[in-house]
Amino acid sequence: MPILTYECSKGHQFDKEGGRDKVKCPTCRSMAEILWIAPRSPHRQLQTPIVMWKYADGSLGVAGGANSKTPKDAERVEIRSAGEYRKYAKDINKQFRDIEEKREERFQERKEHLERERRSNLAWMMGQETDPVARDLYREALERKSESSPSFREFFSVAMEMDRSNYE
């Protein structure tokens, strides 16, 4: 008799000799079924592949659909398993995170430059002012700080959900 892997509704997995479709779980005594491929297994095949482009510089792009025309400078990549999907989702999120971090860095540099310029102008105007109330307003404006911007959020985490046939 073959040794089969079973899984119960509570997630307990165990091996047992036999060929019956359902047996009792030795841990919780609920009914368990034969586990052919775990739903979260990286080997689980997708019914419809996810198509991406891999460019010569190593960057990735998302195709509009399975029948989209491949760009001249790109290679067509078909993702056919959950494991491949996780790998490519991680890669493309890293790619977009790097782009966003560079954009954020440039934004922060520009923001700091503008803030220095604003403070310099306020300090100059405060020095030119003779009215004590106006000087107090300028001093208050100099003490005020700018607010920070939001950080990167992963946005390529739902690609597999585009096709309803990939739902578990």
N, C-alpha and C. Protein backbone atom coordinates (compact mmCIF):
# COMPACT_ATOMS: atom_id res chain seq x y z
N MET A 1 0.83 -1.18 0.00
CA MET A 1 0.00 0.00 0.00
C MET A 1 0.88 1.25 0.00
N PRO A 2 0.48 2.29 -0.74
CA PRO A 2 1.28 3.52 -0.78
C PRO A 2 1.11 4.34 0.50
N ILE A 3 2.13 5.14 0.80
CA ILE A 3 2.04 6.07 1.92
C ILE A 3 1.61 7.41 1.33
N LEU A 4 0.48 7.92 1.82
CA LEU A 4 -0.09 9.16 1.30
C LEU A 4 -0.03 10.25 2.37
N THR A 5 0.01 11.49 1.92
CA THR A 5 -0.03 12.64 2.83
C THR A 5 -1.47 13.14 2.88
N TYR A 6 -1.96 13.35 4.09
CA TYR A 6 -3.31 13.84 4.30
C TYR A 6 -3.24 15.19 5.02
N GLU A 7 -4.32 15.98 4.85
CA GLU A 7 -4.44 17.25 5.57
C GLU A 7 -5.88 17.41 6.02
N CYS A 8 -6.05 17.78 7.30
CA CYS A 8 -7.39 17.99 7.83
C CYS A 8 -7.80 19.45 7.64
N SER A 9 -9.04 19.76 7.98
CA SER A 9 -9.57 21.12 7.80
C SER A 9 -8.89 22.13 8.71
N LYS A 10 -8.23 21.66 9.77
CA LYS A 10 -7.52 22.56 10.68
C LYS A 10 -6.06 22.75 10.29
N GLY A 11 -5.63 22.12 9.19
CA GLY A 11 -4.29 22.32 8.67
C GLY A 11 -3.24 21.33 9.13
N HIS A 12 -3.63 20.32 9.91
CA HIS A 12 -2.66 19.31 10.34
C HIS A 12 -2.34 18.39 9.16
N GLN A 13 -1.06 18.14 8.92
CA GLN A 13 -0.65 17.23 7.86
C GLN A 13 0.00 16.00 8.49
N PHE A 14 -0.26 14.84 7.89
CA PHE A 14 0.33 13.60 8.38
C PHE A 14 0.37 12.58 7.25
N ASP A 15 1.28 11.63 7.38
CA ASP A 15 1.40 10.55 6.40
C ASP A 15 0.76 9.30 6.96
N LYS A 16 0.11 8.54 6.05
CA LYS A 16 -0.56 7.32 6.49
C LYS A 16 -0.58 6.34 5.33
N GLU A 17 -0.41 5.09 5.65
CA GLU A 17 -0.48 4.05 4.64
C GLU A 17 -1.94 3.78 4.33
N GLY A 18 -2.24 3.65 3.06
CA GLY A 18 -3.62 3.35 2.70
C GLY A 18 -4.01 4.04 1.41
N GLY A 19 -5.25 3.84 1.02
CA GLY A 19 -5.71 4.42 -0.22
C GLY A 19 -7.08 5.04 -0.12
N ARG A 20 -7.59 5.20 1.11
CA ARG A 20 -8.91 5.81 1.25
C ARG A 20 -8.81 7.32 1.04
N ASP A 21 -9.90 7.90 0.48
CA ASP A 21 -9.93 9.34 0.21
C ASP A 21 -9.96 10.17 1.49
N LYS A 22 -10.68 9.71 2.52
CA LYS A 22 -10.80 10.45 3.76
C LYS A 22 -10.48 9.54 4.94
N VAL A 23 -9.71 10.09 5.89
CA VAL A 23 -9.39 9.39 7.13
C VAL A 23 -9.47 10.39 8.27
N LYS A 24 -9.47 9.89 9.52
CA LYS A 24 -9.52 10.78 10.67
C LYS A 24 -8.12 11.27 11.00
N CYS A 25 -8.04 12.56 11.36
CA CYS A 25 -6.77 13.19 11.75
C CYS A 25 -6.38 12.67 13.12
N PRO A 26 -5.14 12.18 13.30
CA PRO A 26 -4.73 11.68 14.61
C PRO A 26 -4.59 12.79 15.66
N THR A 27 -4.47 14.03 15.24
CA THR A 27 -4.29 15.13 16.18
C THR A 27 -5.62 15.66 16.71
N CYS A 28 -6.56 15.97 15.78
CA CYS A 28 -7.81 16.62 16.21
C CYS A 28 -9.05 15.76 15.92
N ARG A 29 -8.89 14.63 15.31
CA ARG A 29 -9.96 13.66 15.02
C ARG A 29 -10.97 14.16 13.98
N SER A 30 -10.67 15.27 13.26
CA SER A 30 -11.56 15.70 12.19
C SER A 30 -11.19 14.94 10.91
N MET A 31 -12.05 15.03 9.90
CA MET A 31 -11.80 14.30 8.65
C MET A 31 -10.71 14.99 7.84
N ALA A 32 -9.81 14.18 7.28
CA ALA A 32 -8.70 14.69 6.47
C ALA A 32 -8.77 14.06 5.08
N GLU A 33 -8.36 14.85 4.09
CA GLU A 33 -8.35 14.39 2.69
C GLU A 33 -6.92 14.24 2.21
N ILE A 34 -6.76 13.47 1.13
CA ILE A 34 -5.44 13.30 0.53
C ILE A 34 -4.94 14.65 0.03
N LEU A 35 -3.68 14.93 0.32
CA LEU A 35 -3.06 16.18 -0.10
C LEU A 35 -2.20 15.90 -1.32
N TRP A 36 -2.71 16.27 -2.48
CA TRP A 36 -1.96 16.03 -3.71
C TRP A 36 -0.90 17.10 -3.91
N ILE A 37 -1.30 18.37 -3.91
CA ILE A 37 -0.37 19.51 -3.92
C ILE A 37 -0.98 20.54 -2.98
N ALA A 38 -0.19 21.02 -2.06
CA ALA A 38 -0.68 22.02 -1.10
C ALA A 38 -1.13 23.27 -1.84
N PRO A 39 -2.23 23.90 -1.41
CA PRO A 39 -2.71 25.12 -2.07
C PRO A 39 -1.68 26.23 -2.12
N ARG A 40 -0.80 26.30 -1.14
CA ARG A 40 0.21 27.35 -1.11
C ARG A 40 1.56 26.86 -1.65
N SER A 41 1.58 25.70 -2.25
CA SER A 41 2.82 25.15 -2.77
C SER A 41 3.37 26.01 -3.91
N PRO A 42 4.69 26.21 -3.94
CA PRO A 42 5.27 26.98 -5.04
C PRO A 42 5.19 26.23 -6.37
N HIS A 43 4.82 24.95 -6.33
CA HIS A 43 4.71 24.14 -7.54
C HIS A 43 3.31 24.16 -8.13
N ARG A 44 2.36 24.79 -7.42
CA ARG A 44 0.98 24.84 -7.91
C ARG A 44 0.95 25.59 -9.23
N GLN A 45 0.34 25.00 -10.23
CA GLN A 45 0.28 25.59 -11.56
C GLN A 45 -0.89 26.55 -11.68
N LEU A 46 -0.66 27.67 -12.35
CA LEU A 46 -1.72 28.63 -12.61
C LEU A 46 -2.48 28.18 -13.86
N GLN A 47 -3.79 28.39 -13.87
CA GLN A 47 -4.58 27.98 -15.04
C GLN A 47 -4.25 28.84 -16.25
N THR A 48 -4.05 30.14 -16.02
CA THR A 48 -3.69 31.05 -17.10
C THR A 48 -2.37 31.70 -16.72
N PRO A 49 -1.33 31.61 -17.56
CA PRO A 49 -0.05 32.20 -17.18
C PRO A 49 -0.11 33.73 -17.14
N ILE A 50 0.73 34.31 -16.30
CA ILE A 50 0.89 35.76 -16.22
C ILE A 50 2.06 36.10 -17.14
N VAL A 51 1.86 37.06 -18.04
CA VAL A 51 2.89 37.42 -19.02
C VAL A 51 3.58 38.70 -18.59
N MET A 52 4.92 38.67 -18.65
CA MET A 52 5.73 39.84 -18.33
C MET A 52 6.80 40.00 -19.40
N TRP A 53 7.42 41.18 -19.44
CA TRP A 53 8.54 41.41 -20.34
C TRP A 53 9.79 41.56 -19.49
N LYS A 54 10.88 40.92 -19.93
CA LYS A 54 12.18 41.09 -19.28
C LYS A 54 13.08 41.78 -20.29
N TYR A 55 13.52 43.00 -19.95
CA TYR A 55 14.33 43.81 -20.85
C TYR A 55 15.81 43.49 -20.69
N ALA A 56 16.62 43.91 -21.66
CA ALA A 56 18.05 43.62 -21.68
C ALA A 56 18.77 44.15 -20.44
N ASP A 57 18.31 45.26 -19.88
CA ASP A 57 18.96 45.83 -18.69
C ASP A 57 18.54 45.13 -17.40
N GLY A 58 17.69 44.10 -17.50
CA GLY A 58 17.25 43.34 -16.34
C GLY A 58 15.95 43.81 -15.73
N SER A 59 15.44 44.94 -16.20
CA SER A 59 14.19 45.44 -15.65
C SER A 59 13.01 44.62 -16.18
N LEU A 60 11.91 44.68 -15.46
CA LEU A 60 10.72 43.92 -15.80
C LEU A 60 9.59 44.86 -16.16
N GLY A 61 8.70 44.40 -17.01
CA GLY A 61 7.51 45.15 -17.36
C GLY A 61 6.32 44.22 -17.38
N VAL A 62 5.15 44.75 -17.15
CA VAL A 62 3.93 43.95 -17.12
C VAL A 62 3.24 44.07 -18.47
N ALA A 63 2.90 42.94 -19.05
CA ALA A 63 2.19 42.93 -20.33
C ALA A 63 0.73 43.28 -20.11
N GLY A 64 0.10 43.81 -21.13
CA GLY A 64 -1.31 44.14 -21.02
C GLY A 64 -2.19 42.91 -20.98
N GLY A 65 -1.77 41.83 -21.61
CA GLY A 65 -2.53 40.59 -21.64
C GLY A 65 -1.69 39.48 -22.25
N ALA A 66 -2.20 38.27 -22.22
CA ALA A 66 -1.45 37.12 -22.73
C ALA A 66 -1.17 37.24 -24.23
N ASN A 67 -2.01 37.97 -24.97
CA ASN A 67 -1.81 38.09 -26.41
C ASN A 67 -1.13 39.40 -26.80
N SER A 68 -0.56 40.12 -25.81
CA SER A 68 0.14 41.37 -26.09
C SER A 68 1.39 41.12 -26.92
N LYS A 69 1.70 42.06 -27.80
CA LYS A 69 2.87 41.96 -28.66
C LYS A 69 4.14 42.25 -27.85
N THR A 70 5.15 41.40 -27.99
CA THR A 70 6.41 41.56 -27.26
C THR A 70 7.21 42.71 -27.85
N PRO A 71 7.67 43.66 -27.01
CA PRO A 71 8.50 44.75 -27.52
C PRO A 71 9.81 44.21 -28.10
N LYS A 72 10.42 44.98 -29.02
CA LYS A 72 11.65 44.53 -29.70
C LYS A 72 12.79 44.26 -28.75
N ASP A 73 12.96 45.10 -27.73
CA ASP A 73 14.09 44.97 -26.82
C ASP A 73 13.78 44.15 -25.57
N ALA A 74 12.75 43.32 -25.64
CA ALA A 74 12.33 42.55 -24.46
C ALA A 74 12.16 41.07 -24.79
N GLU A 75 12.19 40.29 -23.74
CA GLU A 75 11.96 38.85 -23.83
C GLU A 75 10.64 38.55 -23.13
N ARG A 76 9.82 37.72 -23.73
CA ARG A 76 8.53 37.35 -23.14
C ARG A 76 8.76 36.29 -22.05
N VAL A 77 8.18 36.54 -20.88
CA VAL A 77 8.29 35.60 -19.77
C VAL A 77 6.87 35.21 -19.37
N GLU A 78 6.60 33.91 -19.34
CA GLU A 78 5.29 33.42 -18.91
C GLU A 78 5.45 32.77 -17.54
N ILE A 79 4.74 33.31 -16.57
CA ILE A 79 4.78 32.79 -15.21
C ILE A 79 3.68 31.76 -15.09
N ARG A 80 4.06 30.53 -14.78
CA ARG A 80 3.10 29.43 -14.79
C ARG A 80 2.88 28.78 -13.43
N SER A 81 3.64 29.18 -12.41
CA SER A 81 3.43 28.58 -11.08
C SER A 81 3.42 29.66 -10.01
N ALA A 82 2.88 29.30 -8.85
CA ALA A 82 2.80 30.25 -7.74
C ALA A 82 4.20 30.65 -7.28
N GLY A 83 5.15 29.73 -7.32
CA GLY A 83 6.53 30.03 -6.92
C GLY A 83 7.18 31.04 -7.85
N GLU A 84 7.00 30.85 -9.16
CA GLU A 84 7.54 31.82 -10.13
C GLU A 84 6.90 33.18 -9.91
N TYR A 85 5.59 33.19 -9.66
CA TYR A 85 4.88 34.45 -9.44
C TYR A 85 5.48 35.19 -8.25
N ARG A 86 5.70 34.48 -7.13
CA ARG A 86 6.26 35.13 -5.95
C ARG A 86 7.64 35.71 -6.24
N LYS A 87 8.46 34.97 -7.01
CA LYS A 87 9.81 35.43 -7.35
C LYS A 87 9.73 36.70 -8.19
N TYR A 88 8.91 36.70 -9.24
CA TYR A 88 8.82 37.87 -10.11
C TYR A 88 8.14 39.04 -9.40
N ALA A 89 7.16 38.77 -8.55
CA ALA A 89 6.50 39.85 -7.80
C ALA A 89 7.52 40.52 -6.88
N LYS A 90 8.37 39.72 -6.26
CA LYS A 90 9.42 40.26 -5.39
C LYS A 90 10.40 41.11 -6.22
N ASP A 91 10.81 40.61 -7.39
CA ASP A 91 11.75 41.33 -8.26
C ASP A 91 11.17 42.65 -8.76
N ILE A 92 9.92 42.62 -9.21
CA ILE A 92 9.34 43.85 -9.76
C ILE A 92 9.05 44.85 -8.65
N ASN A 93 8.68 44.38 -7.46
CA ASN A 93 8.50 45.31 -6.35
C ASN A 93 9.82 45.96 -5.96
N LYS A 94 10.92 45.20 -6.01
CA LYS A 94 12.24 45.77 -5.72
C LYS A 94 12.59 46.81 -6.77
N GLN A 95 12.32 46.50 -8.03
CA GLN A 95 12.59 47.44 -9.12
C GLN A 95 11.82 48.75 -8.91
N PHE A 96 10.53 48.64 -8.64
CA PHE A 96 9.72 49.84 -8.45
C PHE A 96 10.08 50.56 -7.15
N ARG A 97 10.46 49.80 -6.11
CA ARG A 97 10.88 50.42 -4.85
C ARG A 97 12.15 51.24 -5.09
N ASP A 98 13.11 50.70 -5.85
CA ASP A 98 14.34 51.43 -6.15
C ASP A 98 14.05 52.72 -6.91
N ILE A 99 13.16 52.64 -7.90
CA ILE A 99 12.77 53.84 -8.67
C ILE A 99 12.12 54.85 -7.74
N GLU A 100 11.23 54.38 -6.89
CA GLU A 100 10.52 55.27 -5.97
C GLU A 100 11.48 55.89 -4.96
N GLU A 101 12.47 55.12 -4.48
CA GLU A 101 13.44 55.66 -3.53
C GLU A 101 14.27 56.76 -4.17
N LYS A 102 14.68 56.57 -5.43
CA LYS A 102 15.43 57.61 -6.14
C LYS A 102 14.58 58.86 -6.33
N ARG A 103 13.32 58.66 -6.71
CA ARG A 103 12.40 59.78 -6.87
C ARG A 103 12.20 60.51 -5.54
N GLU A 104 12.05 59.74 -4.48
CA GLU A 104 11.86 60.33 -3.15
C GLU A 104 13.10 61.10 -2.73
N GLU A 105 14.29 60.56 -3.03
CA GLU A 105 15.54 61.23 -2.69
C GLU A 105 15.64 62.58 -3.41
N ARG A 106 15.33 62.59 -4.71
CA ARG A 106 15.35 63.84 -5.48
C ARG A 106 14.32 64.83 -4.92
N PHE A 107 13.15 64.32 -4.58
CA PHE A 107 12.10 65.17 -4.02
C PHE A 107 12.56 65.79 -2.70
N GLN A 108 13.17 64.99 -1.82
CA GLN A 108 13.62 65.49 -0.53
C GLN A 108 14.72 66.54 -0.69
N GLU A 109 15.64 66.30 -1.65
CA GLU A 109 16.69 67.28 -1.91
C GLU A 109 16.08 68.61 -2.36
N ARG A 110 15.13 68.54 -3.29
CA ARG A 110 14.47 69.75 -3.79
C ARG A 110 13.68 70.44 -2.66
N LYS A 111 13.01 69.64 -1.85
CA LYS A 111 12.23 70.18 -0.75
C LYS A 111 13.13 70.89 0.26
N GLU A 112 14.30 70.28 0.57
CA GLU A 112 15.24 70.91 1.49
C GLU A 112 15.78 72.21 0.91
N HIS A 113 16.08 72.21 -0.38
CA HIS A 113 16.56 73.42 -1.03
C HIS A 113 15.51 74.53 -0.94
N LEU A 114 14.27 74.21 -1.24
CA LEU A 114 13.19 75.21 -1.16
C LEU A 114 12.98 75.69 0.27
N GLU A 115 13.11 74.78 1.24
CA GLU A 115 12.95 75.15 2.64
C GLU A 115 14.05 76.11 3.07
N ARG A 116 15.31 75.84 2.67
CA ARG A 116 16.42 76.75 2.98
C ARG A 116 16.18 78.13 2.35
N GLU A 117 15.70 78.11 1.11
CA GLU A 117 15.41 79.36 0.41
C GLU A 117 14.29 80.14 1.12
N ARG A 118 13.26 79.43 1.53
CA ARG A 118 12.13 80.07 2.23
C ARG A 118 12.60 80.70 3.54
N ARG A 119 13.40 79.94 4.30
CA ARG A 119 13.89 80.44 5.58
C ARG A 119 14.82 81.64 5.39
N SER A 120 15.62 81.58 4.35
CA SER A 120 16.52 82.70 4.05
C SER A 120 15.72 83.95 3.72
N ASN A 121 14.69 83.80 2.90
CA ASN A 121 13.83 84.94 2.54
C ASN A 121 13.10 85.50 3.76
N LEU A 122 12.59 84.61 4.61
CA LEU A 122 11.91 85.06 5.81
C LEU A 122 12.86 85.81 6.75
N ALA A 123 14.07 85.27 6.89
CA ALA A 123 15.06 85.92 7.76
C ALA A 123 15.42 87.30 7.22
N TRP A 124 15.58 87.41 5.92
CA TRP A 124 15.90 88.71 5.30
C TRP A 124 14.75 89.68 5.52
N MET A 125 13.50 89.21 5.28
CA MET A 125 12.33 90.08 5.44
C MET A 125 12.16 90.50 6.91
N MET A 126 12.46 89.57 7.84
CA MET A 126 12.37 89.90 9.26
C MET A 126 13.40 90.98 9.61
N GLY A 127 14.58 90.90 9.03
CA GLY A 127 15.62 91.90 9.26
C GLY A 127 15.25 93.27 8.71
N GLN A 128 14.45 93.30 7.66
CA GLN A 128 14.04 94.56 7.05
C GLN A 128 12.86 95.21 7.77
N GLU A 129 12.14 94.41 8.56
CA GLU A 129 10.90 94.88 9.19
C GLU A 129 11.19 95.70 10.45
N THR A 130 10.43 96.76 10.62
CA THR A 130 10.57 97.60 11.82
C THR A 130 9.43 97.38 12.80
N ASP A 131 8.31 96.87 12.32
CA ASP A 131 7.14 96.65 13.18
C ASP A 131 7.38 95.39 14.03
N PRO A 132 7.31 95.48 15.39
CA PRO A 132 7.57 94.32 16.25
C PRO A 132 6.56 93.18 16.06
N VAL A 133 5.30 93.48 15.77
CA VAL A 133 4.29 92.43 15.55
C VAL A 133 4.63 91.65 14.27
N ALA A 134 5.01 92.35 13.23
CA ALA A 134 5.39 91.69 11.97
C ALA A 134 6.65 90.85 12.18
N ARG A 135 7.59 91.34 12.97
CA ARG A 135 8.82 90.57 13.25
C ARG A 135 8.46 89.26 13.98
N ASP A 136 7.50 89.35 14.91
CA ASP A 136 7.05 88.14 15.63
C ASP A 136 6.42 87.13 14.67
N LEU A 137 5.65 87.64 13.72
CA LEU A 137 5.03 86.74 12.71
C LEU A 137 6.11 86.06 11.86
N TYR A 138 7.11 86.81 11.46
CA TYR A 138 8.21 86.21 10.68
C TYR A 138 8.96 85.18 11.52
N ARG A 139 9.18 85.49 12.80
CA ARG A 139 9.88 84.56 13.69
C ARG A 139 9.07 83.26 13.82
N GLU A 140 7.76 83.38 13.97
CA GLU A 140 6.88 82.20 14.06
C GLU A 140 6.94 81.38 12.77
N ALA A 141 6.94 82.06 11.62
CA ALA A 141 7.02 81.37 10.33
C ALA A 141 8.35 80.64 10.19
N LEU A 142 9.42 81.23 10.73
CA LEU A 142 10.74 80.57 10.68
C LEU A 142 10.78 79.30 11.53
N GLU A 143 10.03 79.29 12.63
CA GLU A 143 10.02 78.12 13.51
C GLU A 143 9.18 76.96 12.98
N ARG A 144 8.27 77.28 12.07
CA ARG A 144 7.38 76.27 11.51
C ARG A 144 8.16 75.33 10.58
N LYS A 145 7.90 74.02 10.66
CA LYS A 145 8.59 73.03 9.83
C LYS A 145 7.63 72.45 8.80
N SER A 146 8.21 71.92 7.72
CA SER A 146 7.40 71.27 6.67
C SER A 146 7.02 69.86 7.09
N GLU A 147 5.95 69.33 6.48
CA GLU A 147 5.51 67.96 6.77
C GLU A 147 6.22 66.98 5.86
N SER A 148 6.38 65.74 6.32
CA SER A 148 7.06 64.71 5.50
C SER A 148 6.09 64.07 4.52
N SER A 149 6.65 63.41 3.51
CA SER A 149 5.84 62.76 2.48
C SER A 149 5.67 61.27 2.77
N PRO A 150 4.68 60.61 2.18
CA PRO A 150 4.46 59.18 2.42
C PRO A 150 5.56 58.33 1.82
N SER A 151 5.76 57.12 2.35
CA SER A 151 6.79 56.23 1.85
C SER A 151 6.23 55.27 0.80
N PHE A 152 7.12 54.46 0.23
CA PHE A 152 6.77 53.52 -0.83
C PHE A 152 5.78 52.46 -0.33
N ARG A 153 4.80 52.11 -1.18
CA ARG A 153 3.88 51.01 -0.90
C ARG A 153 3.94 50.04 -2.06
N GLU A 154 3.96 48.76 -1.77
CA GLU A 154 4.00 47.78 -2.85
C GLU A 154 2.69 47.81 -3.60
N PHE A 155 2.78 47.89 -4.93
CA PHE A 155 1.56 47.96 -5.72
C PHE A 155 1.50 46.87 -6.76
N PHE A 156 2.48 45.97 -6.82
CA PHE A 156 2.42 44.86 -7.75
C PHE A 156 2.17 43.58 -6.97
N SER A 157 1.31 43.62 -5.99
CA SER A 157 1.07 42.44 -5.17
C SER A 157 -0.25 41.77 -5.51
N VAL A 158 -0.97 42.25 -6.51
CA VAL A 158 -2.26 41.67 -6.85
C VAL A 158 -2.31 41.18 -8.29
N ALA A 159 -1.17 40.98 -8.92
CA ALA A 159 -1.16 40.57 -10.33
C ALA A 159 -1.86 39.24 -10.54
N MET A 160 -1.67 38.31 -9.62
CA MET A 160 -2.28 36.99 -9.80
C MET A 160 -3.80 37.08 -9.69
N GLU A 161 -4.31 38.06 -8.97
CA GLU A 161 -5.75 38.19 -8.80
C GLU A 161 -6.43 38.79 -10.03
N MET A 162 -5.65 39.22 -11.04
CA MET A 162 -6.24 39.77 -12.25
C MET A 162 -7.08 38.73 -12.98
N ASP A 163 -6.69 37.47 -12.85
CA ASP A 163 -7.39 36.40 -13.52
C ASP A 163 -8.10 35.56 -12.46
N ARG A 164 -9.42 35.55 -12.47
CA ARG A 164 -10.20 34.85 -11.43
C ARG A 164 -9.93 33.35 -11.40
N SER A 165 -9.42 32.76 -12.48
CA SER A 165 -9.15 31.33 -12.49
C SER A 165 -8.00 30.97 -11.58
N ASN A 166 -7.21 31.93 -11.11
CA ASN A 166 -6.09 31.66 -10.24
C ASN A 166 -6.47 31.66 -8.76
N TYR A 167 -7.73 31.96 -8.45
CA TYR A 167 -8.16 31.94 -7.06
C TYR A 167 -8.16 30.52 -6.54
N GLU A 168 -7.88 30.39 -5.26
CA GLU A 168 -7.90 29.05 -4.66
C GLU A 168 -9.31 28.71 -4.22
